[in-house]
Amino acid sequence: MSYHDVLLINPPSRQREFYEHLGLGYLAACLRKQNIDVKILNMPHWMAPRALQEVKKYSCKLVGISIPFQRSALQAFNFISRLKREGFETAHVAVGGIYPSFAYEEILNQFPVVDSVVIGEGEETIVELAEAIIRNSDWKKIRGIAFRGQENIVTTELRPLIEDLDAVPFPERDALPEVLEKLEHAPVLSSRGCYGRCTFCSVVPFFKKFGTSLRMRSSANVIEELEFLYNKYRVRNVDFNDANFIGGKGHGFRRAREIAELMLSKNMGLKFGIQCRPNEIDLELFTILKRAGLSKVFIGIESGSQAMLDRFQKDVTVEENLKALETLGKLDLITYMGFITFDDRTTMQEYSENMAFIEQAKKLMPQNRLFYDLGTKLLPLSGTDAEKNMKDRGILTGNSLKLDYKMDDPQMNLFYSAIKIKEDFSRIGRRLRETDKEWTKEKPKKFVSE
């Protein structure tokens, strides 16, 4: 058994998604800067039994679990419970992420295996927590955590956001070699937050709770990391994981252009993808970005109904959405369109407007360049206005681990149910195939050969 002061775990996910967890990479970088021994275990694509056996190869004082996706939170907590039962009874377990930062009371009340919740950004908090636990000193006065007191849930003073993101060390990339073998691209985070006010998004409420809603690294700092990835890991494809890479007109446009110009001047030859809002799709700017290597764009269209856009507080029009897609089509960029077909108030008229919008959108894009999902139902994520509004209306059922609601229009419920049944059958078939592969891989070679 190998000892490390801290184990940072990205646990098995219900969606079996495979990706490198940059958040854990940033935490590891800050811990190692203080000479704290840390091991990253990146296992969202693993089945739980295999992941559990892997973790049990190690011992530690502190286990840090990231829960980036609310829809996989229950699986994460079940995994933590098994860890505690099977060898990690004495280790301190801390969870963190956007969802736990809003739902810490519910988490601590429901899951006694969780010792503390990191609220907000974790880079500074995890270092202080690890140092206290390693020294066996009082960790309950550290800023930015929640824990169970004698009678109720205790929260310490909130920790402000890190003002200068350039001062944060680049994330450790322990999992990147495996990621590059399978996905052939590396994730990079050039900013944190967004300036939008979308009712369904938890990113802005999360950052506004602790400071400003959007912070951006300098273009020079971003290029320095890209050069590091290019030279050390031979990275040639990058996905910017920013909620909003452009960051709005003015400074955001200037920074995006500077990044593109620096990439061109250094002849890096990278291909990259970004996420942005429709009102930021500018032909001149995106022409330069494409010359620098931009190849794909995730754009938050969300709806082709103005009533729904207004309800979502997107602060864009249907016409702006179409114009953005037209521009991306002219540039022949692969486009992933965020789209929310159903929410609690979707009407047949709005549904029809969405379908008509899709037909218009397809005409604006070259063949095989536009991708979208029409079966998306708005998720009332913790901390969002959508969650609050539905709670106020009394239509939410379950808890934050499995929230659901009925739509006002019964016909919309039928539409959505039919789509979900089809998706569920497809997912079950895919899961069975994946499970069979995983089961075969874990059997002894002699058994497999027979």
Protein backbone atom coordinates (compact mmCIF):
# COMPACT_ATOMS: atom_id res chain seq x y z
CA MET A 1 0.00 0.00 0.00
CA SER A 2 1.36 3.40 -1.02
CA TYR A 3 0.96 6.41 1.32
CA HIS A 4 0.20 9.96 0.19
CA ASP A 5 -0.81 12.88 2.39
CA VAL A 6 -3.77 13.66 0.13
CA LEU A 7 -5.78 11.66 -2.40
CA LEU A 8 -7.73 13.79 -4.87
CA ILE A 9 -10.44 11.74 -6.55
CA ASN A 10 -12.67 12.39 -9.53
CA PRO A 11 -15.10 9.53 -8.77
CA PRO A 12 -17.05 7.25 -11.13
CA SER A 13 -19.80 9.10 -12.97
CA ARG A 14 -23.24 7.87 -13.94
CA GLN A 15 -22.56 9.07 -17.47
CA ARG A 16 -19.21 7.22 -17.64
CA GLU A 17 -17.66 10.38 -19.10
CA PHE A 18 -13.91 10.44 -19.73
CA TYR A 19 -12.09 13.71 -19.19
CA GLU A 20 -9.22 15.31 -17.31
CA HIS A 21 -10.38 17.15 -14.19
CA LEU A 22 -8.65 20.54 -14.26
CA GLY A 23 -10.03 21.52 -10.85
CA LEU A 24 -8.15 18.65 -9.20
CA GLY A 25 -5.08 19.59 -11.21
CA TYR A 26 -5.16 23.11 -9.76
CA LEU A 27 -5.62 21.78 -6.23
CA ALA A 28 -2.71 19.38 -6.68
CA ALA A 29 -0.49 22.18 -7.98
CA CYS A 30 -1.16 24.31 -4.90
CA LEU A 31 -0.62 21.35 -2.55
CA ARG A 32 2.65 20.35 -4.18
CA LYS A 33 3.84 23.94 -4.06
CA GLN A 34 3.67 23.57 -0.27
CA ASN A 35 5.48 20.21 -0.41
CA ILE A 36 2.35 18.21 0.40
CA ASP A 37 2.37 14.74 -1.16
CA VAL A 38 -0.73 14.30 -3.32
CA LYS A 39 -2.04 11.63 -5.66
CA ILE A 40 -4.69 12.34 -8.31
CA LEU A 41 -7.09 9.51 -9.19
CA ASN A 42 -9.12 10.42 -12.28
CA MET A 43 -11.86 7.75 -12.63
CA PRO A 44 -15.15 9.19 -13.90
CA HIS A 45 -15.20 6.64 -16.74
CA TRP A 46 -14.57 3.63 -14.46
CA MET A 47 -17.14 1.32 -12.93
CA ALA A 48 -17.37 1.73 -9.15
CA PRO A 49 -15.99 -1.71 -8.13
CA ARG A 50 -12.86 -1.26 -10.22
CA ALA A 51 -12.38 2.31 -8.96
CA LEU A 52 -12.78 1.17 -5.36
CA GLN A 53 -10.09 -1.49 -5.76
CA GLU A 54 -7.74 1.09 -7.26
CA VAL A 55 -8.22 3.59 -4.42
CA LYS A 56 -7.65 0.87 -1.83
CA LYS A 57 -4.06 0.58 -3.07
CA TYR A 58 -3.34 3.82 -1.22
CA SER A 59 -3.59 5.30 2.26
CA CYS A 60 -3.79 8.97 3.23
CA LYS A 61 -4.80 11.56 5.82
CA LEU A 62 -7.16 13.55 3.58
CA VAL A 63 -9.42 12.45 0.73
CA GLY A 64 -10.68 15.24 -1.52
CA ILE A 65 -13.64 14.35 -3.75
CA SER A 66 -14.80 16.64 -6.53
CA ILE A 67 -18.47 16.57 -7.51
CA PRO A 68 -18.54 18.68 -10.67
CA PHE A 69 -21.86 17.36 -12.00
CA GLN A 70 -24.97 17.36 -9.84
CA ARG A 71 -26.57 14.56 -11.83
CA SER A 72 -23.78 12.19 -10.71
CA ALA A 73 -23.67 13.33 -7.09
CA LEU A 74 -25.57 10.38 -5.64
CA GLN A 75 -23.18 7.93 -7.26
CA ALA A 76 -20.27 9.92 -5.84
CA PHE A 77 -21.69 9.79 -2.31
CA ASN A 78 -22.34 6.07 -2.59
CA PHE A 79 -18.73 5.64 -3.67
CA ILE A 80 -17.52 7.68 -0.68
CA SER A 81 -19.64 5.54 1.64
CA ARG A 82 -18.01 2.38 0.33
CA LEU A 83 -14.55 3.94 0.75
CA LYS A 84 -15.28 4.74 4.37
CA ARG A 85 -16.50 1.19 5.02
CA GLU A 86 -13.62 -0.52 3.27
CA GLY A 87 -10.38 0.97 4.51
CA PHE A 88 -10.66 4.74 4.83
CA GLU A 89 -12.47 4.96 8.16
CA THR A 90 -9.87 7.31 9.69
CA ALA A 91 -9.21 9.53 6.67
CA HIS A 92 -10.86 12.96 6.59
CA VAL A 93 -13.19 13.20 3.58
CA ALA A 94 -13.84 16.63 2.07
CA VAL A 95 -16.04 17.27 -0.95
CA GLY A 96 -16.10 20.35 -3.14
CA GLY A 97 -17.43 21.86 -6.34
CA ILE A 98 -20.18 24.22 -7.44
CA TYR A 99 -23.00 21.90 -6.36
CA PRO A 100 -21.63 21.16 -2.85
CA SER A 101 -21.03 24.88 -2.32
CA PHE A 102 -24.79 25.43 -2.53
CA ALA A 103 -26.07 22.14 -1.06
CA TYR A 104 -23.61 21.67 1.82
CA GLU A 105 -26.34 21.49 4.50
CA GLU A 106 -28.24 18.78 2.68
CA ILE A 107 -25.01 16.87 1.99
CA LEU A 108 -23.78 16.97 5.58
CA ASN A 109 -27.19 16.04 6.94
CA GLN A 110 -27.65 13.08 4.60
CA PHE A 111 -24.13 11.70 4.36
CA PRO A 112 -22.26 11.28 7.66
CA VAL A 113 -19.28 9.86 5.71
CA VAL A 114 -18.52 13.41 4.53
CA ASP A 115 -16.48 15.26 7.18
CA SER A 116 -16.36 18.70 5.55
CA VAL A 117 -17.48 20.60 2.47
CA VAL A 118 -15.21 23.12 0.77
CA ILE A 119 -17.32 26.14 -0.15
CA GLY A 120 -16.15 28.18 -3.12
CA GLU A 121 -12.78 28.00 -4.85
CA GLY A 122 -10.64 25.36 -3.22
CA GLU A 123 -7.00 26.18 -4.01
CA GLU A 124 -6.21 28.03 -0.79
CA THR A 125 -8.69 26.14 1.38
CA ILE A 126 -7.41 22.65 0.49
CA VAL A 127 -3.83 23.62 1.39
CA GLU A 128 -4.82 24.92 4.83
CA LEU A 129 -7.12 21.96 5.42
CA ALA A 130 -4.41 19.46 4.46
CA GLU A 131 -1.79 21.16 6.62
CA ALA A 132 -4.10 21.14 9.64
CA ILE A 133 -5.12 17.51 9.23
CA ILE A 134 -1.54 16.31 8.64
CA ARG A 135 -0.42 18.14 11.81
CA ASN A 136 -3.51 16.90 13.67
CA SER A 137 -4.40 20.49 14.57
CA ASP A 138 -7.78 22.28 14.64
CA TRP A 139 -9.14 22.48 11.08
CA LYS A 140 -12.55 23.88 12.03
CA LYS A 141 -11.41 27.51 11.97
CA ILE A 142 -10.27 27.42 8.35
CA ARG A 143 -12.14 29.84 6.09
CA GLY A 144 -14.38 28.45 3.39
CA ILE A 145 -15.66 25.19 4.86
CA ALA A 146 -18.82 23.69 6.32
CA PHE A 147 -19.04 20.82 8.82
CA ARG A 148 -21.34 19.26 11.40
CA GLY A 149 -21.35 21.00 14.78
CA GLN A 150 -22.80 19.57 17.96
CA GLU A 151 -26.30 20.78 17.16
CA ASN A 152 -26.30 22.13 13.60
CA ILE A 153 -24.27 22.71 10.45
CA VAL A 154 -21.43 25.18 10.95
CA THR A 155 -20.00 27.36 8.19
CA THR A 156 -16.82 29.34 8.60
CA GLU A 157 -16.12 32.75 7.09
CA LEU A 158 -16.41 32.68 3.30
CA ARG A 159 -13.10 32.87 1.49
CA PRO A 160 -12.90 35.55 -1.23
CA LEU A 161 -12.02 34.60 -4.79
CA ILE A 162 -8.42 34.68 -5.98
CA GLU A 163 -8.16 38.08 -7.66
CA ASP A 164 -5.17 37.43 -9.94
CA LEU A 165 -5.60 34.17 -11.82
CA ASP A 166 -2.14 34.59 -13.34
CA ALA A 167 -0.74 34.01 -9.85
CA VAL A 168 -2.29 30.54 -9.67
CA PRO A 169 0.17 27.80 -10.69
CA PHE A 170 -0.65 25.83 -13.82
CA PRO A 171 -2.63 22.68 -13.02
CA GLU A 172 -0.78 19.41 -12.54
CA ARG A 173 -1.44 17.17 -15.53
CA ASP A 174 -1.10 13.68 -14.02
CA ALA A 175 -4.02 12.32 -16.04
CA LEU A 176 -3.19 14.08 -19.31
CA PRO A 177 -1.11 11.33 -20.98
CA GLU A 178 -4.04 8.91 -20.71
CA VAL A 179 -6.46 11.59 -21.89
CA LEU A 180 -4.34 12.34 -24.95
CA GLU A 181 -4.31 8.65 -25.87
CA LYS A 182 -8.10 8.50 -25.93
CA LEU A 183 -9.35 12.02 -26.67
CA GLU A 184 -6.33 13.59 -28.38
CA HIS A 185 -7.01 17.00 -26.84
CA ALA A 186 -6.09 18.75 -23.61
CA PRO A 187 -8.43 20.96 -21.56
CA VAL A 188 -7.35 24.49 -20.61
CA LEU A 189 -9.13 27.05 -18.42
CA SER A 190 -8.35 30.62 -19.44
CA SER A 191 -11.03 32.30 -17.29
CA ARG A 192 -13.48 31.63 -14.49
CA GLY A 193 -17.12 32.65 -14.58
CA CYS A 194 -19.34 34.52 -17.00
CA TYR A 195 -21.06 37.91 -17.21
CA GLY A 196 -24.44 36.45 -18.21
CA ARG A 197 -27.46 36.04 -15.96
CA CYS A 198 -29.07 32.88 -17.35
CA THR A 199 -31.61 31.45 -14.92
CA PHE A 200 -30.51 27.83 -15.46
CA CYS A 201 -26.75 28.32 -14.98
CA SER A 202 -25.03 27.81 -11.61
CA VAL A 203 -21.67 29.26 -12.71
CA VAL A 204 -22.48 32.94 -12.21
CA PRO A 205 -24.32 32.50 -8.86
CA PHE A 206 -21.36 30.46 -7.62
CA PHE A 207 -18.72 33.08 -8.37
CA LYS A 208 -20.91 36.06 -7.43
CA LYS A 209 -21.36 34.50 -3.99
CA PHE A 210 -17.66 35.04 -3.30
CA GLY A 211 -16.70 37.98 -5.52
CA THR A 212 -16.87 39.02 -9.16
CA SER A 213 -18.73 36.87 -11.67
CA LEU A 214 -15.96 36.83 -14.29
CA ARG A 215 -12.16 36.82 -14.04
CA MET A 216 -9.78 36.30 -16.94
CA ARG A 217 -6.18 35.26 -17.19
CA SER A 218 -3.92 37.47 -19.29
CA SER A 219 -3.28 36.43 -22.88
CA ALA A 220 0.45 36.05 -22.12
CA ASN A 221 -0.27 33.70 -19.22
CA VAL A 222 -2.58 31.58 -21.37
CA ILE A 223 0.02 31.32 -24.13
CA GLU A 224 2.67 30.32 -21.60
CA GLU A 225 0.54 27.35 -20.55
CA LEU A 226 -0.19 26.41 -24.16
CA GLU A 227 3.55 26.41 -24.91
CA PHE A 228 4.17 24.24 -21.84
CA LEU A 229 1.56 21.72 -23.03
CA TYR A 230 2.89 21.88 -26.59
CA ASN A 231 6.50 21.20 -25.61
CA LYS A 232 6.12 18.78 -22.68
CA TYR A 233 3.10 16.74 -23.75
CA ARG A 234 3.12 17.38 -27.52
CA VAL A 235 -0.42 18.74 -27.29
CA ARG A 236 -1.79 19.80 -30.66
CA ASN A 237 -5.50 20.03 -29.82
CA VAL A 238 -6.95 22.13 -26.99
CA ASP A 239 -10.44 22.54 -25.58
CA PHE A 240 -10.92 25.75 -23.61
CA ASN A 241 -13.24 24.75 -20.76
CA ASP A 242 -14.22 28.33 -19.97
CA ALA A 243 -17.94 28.87 -19.43
CA ASN A 244 -17.36 31.89 -21.68
CA PHE A 245 -14.02 32.11 -23.50
CA ILE A 246 -14.71 35.45 -25.20
CA GLY A 247 -15.92 37.27 -22.08
CA GLY A 248 -17.87 40.04 -23.79
CA LYS A 249 -17.03 43.04 -25.94
CA GLY A 250 -14.27 45.41 -24.92
CA HIS A 251 -11.62 43.68 -22.81
CA GLY A 252 -12.93 40.22 -23.66
CA PHE A 253 -12.71 40.81 -27.42
CA ARG A 254 -9.22 42.32 -27.05
CA ARG A 255 -7.96 39.40 -24.99
CA ALA A 256 -9.37 36.82 -27.43
CA ARG A 257 -7.72 38.64 -30.31
CA GLU A 258 -4.40 38.86 -28.43
CA ILE A 259 -4.46 35.12 -27.77
CA ALA A 260 -5.12 34.45 -31.46
CA GLU A 261 -2.37 36.82 -32.60
CA LEU A 262 0.15 35.32 -30.18
CA MET A 263 -0.70 31.81 -31.38
CA LEU A 264 -0.19 32.94 -34.96
CA SER A 265 3.09 34.75 -34.23
CA LYS A 266 4.49 31.65 -32.53
CA ASN A 267 3.28 29.42 -35.38
CA MET A 268 1.95 26.94 -32.84
CA GLY A 269 -0.32 25.08 -35.25
CA LEU A 270 -2.83 24.22 -32.51
CA LYS A 271 -6.45 23.34 -33.13
CA PHE A 272 -8.82 24.52 -30.40
CA GLY A 273 -12.44 24.76 -29.35
CA ILE A 274 -14.25 27.34 -27.22
CA GLN A 275 -17.60 28.07 -25.56
CA CYS A 276 -19.30 31.45 -25.91
CA ARG A 277 -22.57 33.37 -26.13
CA PRO A 278 -24.39 34.16 -29.41
CA ASN A 279 -23.95 37.92 -29.03
CA GLU A 280 -20.16 37.43 -29.09
CA ILE A 281 -19.99 35.82 -32.53
CA ASP A 282 -18.28 38.57 -34.49
CA LEU A 283 -17.13 37.83 -38.05
CA GLU A 284 -13.87 39.79 -37.82
CA LEU A 285 -12.87 38.36 -34.45
CA PHE A 286 -13.80 34.79 -35.32
CA THR A 287 -12.00 35.01 -38.65
CA ILE A 288 -8.78 35.74 -36.74
CA LEU A 289 -9.54 33.01 -34.22
CA LYS A 290 -10.05 30.53 -37.05
CA ARG A 291 -6.73 31.50 -38.63
CA ALA A 292 -5.14 30.82 -35.24
CA GLY A 293 -6.68 27.33 -35.11
CA LEU A 294 -10.27 27.64 -33.92
CA SER A 295 -12.10 24.59 -35.26
CA LYS A 296 -15.19 24.12 -33.08
CA VAL A 297 -17.54 26.29 -31.06
CA PHE A 298 -20.07 25.46 -28.36
CA ILE A 299 -22.65 28.23 -28.47
CA GLY A 300 -25.41 28.72 -25.90
CA ILE A 301 -28.37 29.25 -28.23
CA GLU A 302 -30.80 27.57 -25.77
CA SER A 303 -34.01 28.38 -27.65
CA GLY A 304 -35.59 29.57 -30.88
CA SER A 305 -38.56 31.02 -29.00
CA GLN A 306 -38.24 34.61 -27.84
CA ALA A 307 -40.59 33.95 -24.94
CA MET A 308 -38.29 31.17 -23.69
CA LEU A 309 -35.14 33.26 -24.24
CA ASP A 310 -36.68 36.02 -22.15
CA ARG A 311 -37.71 33.54 -19.48
CA PHE A 312 -34.15 32.20 -19.38
CA GLN A 313 -32.78 35.78 -19.15
CA LYS A 314 -30.48 35.11 -22.09
CA ASP A 315 -30.44 38.80 -23.08
CA VAL A 316 -30.36 37.86 -26.78
CA THR A 317 -32.96 37.72 -29.53
CA VAL A 318 -33.90 34.92 -31.91
CA GLU A 319 -32.50 37.06 -34.71
CA GLU A 320 -29.14 37.34 -32.91
CA ASN A 321 -29.09 33.58 -32.50
CA LEU A 322 -29.66 33.06 -36.22
CA LYS A 323 -27.06 35.66 -37.13
CA ALA A 324 -24.50 33.95 -34.90
CA LEU A 325 -25.15 30.60 -36.56
CA GLU A 326 -24.96 32.20 -39.99
CA THR A 327 -21.53 33.64 -39.15
CA LEU A 328 -20.27 30.29 -37.86
CA GLY A 329 -21.64 28.67 -41.00
CA LYS A 330 -19.74 31.12 -43.23
CA LEU A 331 -16.55 30.24 -41.37
CA ASP A 332 -17.28 26.52 -41.72
CA LEU A 333 -16.75 25.90 -38.01
CA ILE A 334 -18.05 22.78 -36.27
CA THR A 335 -20.82 24.06 -34.02
CA TYR A 336 -22.33 22.46 -30.94
CA MET A 337 -25.56 24.23 -30.10
CA GLY A 338 -26.74 24.31 -26.50
CA PHE A 339 -30.52 23.93 -26.64
CA ILE A 340 -33.20 23.62 -23.95
CA THR A 341 -36.39 22.38 -25.57
CA PHE A 342 -38.38 21.88 -22.39
CA ASP A 343 -38.77 23.75 -19.13
CA ASP A 344 -41.63 23.88 -16.64
CA ARG A 345 -43.57 26.44 -18.69
CA THR A 346 -42.92 25.31 -22.28
CA THR A 347 -46.05 25.65 -24.41
CA MET A 348 -46.98 24.00 -27.70
CA GLN A 349 -46.46 27.36 -29.40
CA GLU A 350 -42.93 27.60 -28.01
CA TYR A 351 -42.21 24.02 -29.00
CA SER A 352 -43.34 24.78 -32.56
CA GLU A 353 -41.16 27.90 -32.63
CA ASN A 354 -38.18 25.83 -31.52
CA MET A 355 -38.73 23.26 -34.26
CA ALA A 356 -39.06 26.01 -36.87
CA PHE A 357 -35.83 27.58 -35.57
CA ILE A 358 -33.99 24.28 -35.95
CA GLU A 359 -35.04 24.08 -39.58
CA GLN A 360 -33.74 27.60 -40.17
CA ALA A 361 -30.51 26.82 -38.34
CA LYS A 362 -29.80 23.75 -40.46
CA LYS A 363 -30.06 25.86 -43.61
CA LEU A 364 -27.46 28.29 -42.29
CA MET A 365 -24.81 25.66 -41.59
CA PRO A 366 -22.83 23.43 -43.94
CA GLN A 367 -23.66 19.74 -43.83
CA ASN A 368 -22.30 17.87 -40.78
CA ARG A 369 -21.28 21.08 -39.05
CA LEU A 370 -24.20 21.60 -36.64
CA PHE A 371 -24.86 19.35 -33.63
CA TYR A 372 -27.60 19.64 -31.01
CA ASP A 373 -29.90 17.66 -28.70
CA LEU A 374 -33.64 18.31 -28.91
CA GLY A 375 -34.44 16.15 -25.88
CA THR A 376 -33.00 18.51 -23.29
CA LYS A 377 -35.10 19.46 -20.29
CA LEU A 378 -33.97 22.34 -18.07
CA LEU A 379 -32.23 21.10 -14.92
CA PRO A 380 -33.00 23.16 -11.80
CA LEU A 381 -29.40 23.17 -10.57
CA SER A 382 -28.66 24.14 -6.98
CA GLY A 383 -28.14 27.87 -6.54
CA THR A 384 -29.87 28.89 -9.77
CA ASP A 385 -32.82 31.20 -10.29
CA ALA A 386 -34.57 28.30 -12.05
CA GLU A 387 -34.36 26.20 -8.90
CA LYS A 388 -35.64 29.07 -6.75
CA ASN A 389 -38.52 29.83 -9.12
CA MET A 390 -39.65 26.20 -9.20
CA LYS A 391 -39.38 25.91 -5.43
CA ASP A 392 -41.48 29.05 -5.09
CA ARG A 393 -44.06 27.53 -7.41
CA GLY A 394 -44.05 24.31 -5.40
CA ILE A 395 -43.51 22.06 -8.41
CA LEU A 396 -40.16 20.44 -7.52
CA THR A 397 -40.14 16.85 -6.30
CA GLY A 398 -37.27 14.96 -4.67
CA ASN A 399 -34.13 16.62 -3.38
CA SER A 400 -31.03 18.14 -4.95
CA LEU A 401 -29.70 14.66 -5.73
CA LYS A 402 -32.69 13.88 -7.92
CA LEU A 403 -34.90 16.87 -8.62
CA ASP A 404 -37.78 16.62 -11.05
CA TYR A 405 -40.88 18.53 -12.03
CA LYS A 406 -43.95 18.29 -14.21
CA MET A 407 -44.49 20.79 -16.99
CA ASP A 408 -47.57 22.99 -16.86
CA ASP A 409 -48.76 21.75 -20.28
CA PRO A 410 -49.71 18.02 -20.11
CA GLN A 411 -49.01 17.66 -23.83
CA MET A 412 -45.42 18.74 -23.28
CA ASN A 413 -45.04 16.09 -20.59
CA LEU A 414 -46.12 13.46 -23.11
CA PHE A 415 -43.67 14.75 -25.73
CA TYR A 416 -40.82 14.69 -23.26
CA SER A 417 -41.72 11.25 -21.87
CA ALA A 418 -41.71 9.75 -25.35
CA ILE A 419 -38.30 11.22 -26.11
CA LYS A 420 -36.87 10.01 -22.79
CA ILE A 421 -38.14 6.45 -23.29
CA LYS A 422 -36.30 6.30 -26.60
CA GLU A 423 -33.14 7.76 -25.04
CA ASP A 424 -33.34 5.37 -22.06
CA PHE A 425 -33.48 2.30 -24.29
CA SER A 426 -30.49 3.59 -26.23
CA ARG A 427 -28.54 4.31 -23.03
CA ILE A 428 -29.34 0.90 -21.53
CA GLY A 429 -28.05 -0.82 -24.64
CA ARG A 430 -24.88 1.27 -24.58
CA ARG A 431 -24.37 0.63 -20.85
CA LEU A 432 -24.76 -3.13 -21.33
CA ARG A 433 -22.13 -3.11 -24.06
CA GLU A 434 -19.75 -1.07 -21.91
CA THR A 435 -20.36 -3.29 -18.87
CA ASP A 436 -19.63 -6.39 -20.92
CA LYS A 437 -16.33 -4.90 -22.08
CA GLU A 438 -15.41 -3.88 -18.52
CA TRP A 439 -16.34 -7.31 -17.13
CA THR A 440 -14.27 -9.08 -19.78
CA LYS A 441 -11.27 -6.81 -19.22
CA GLU A 442 -11.20 -7.55 -15.50
CA LYS A 443 -11.33 -11.36 -15.89
CA PRO A 444 -8.10 -13.41 -15.81
CA LYS A 445 -6.55 -13.89 -19.24
CA LYS A 446 -6.99 -17.67 -19.04
CA PHE A 447 -10.74 -17.28 -18.49
CA VAL A 448 -11.07 -14.82 -21.36
CA SER A 449 -9.13 -17.01 -23.78
CA GLU A 450 -11.42 -19.95 -23.09
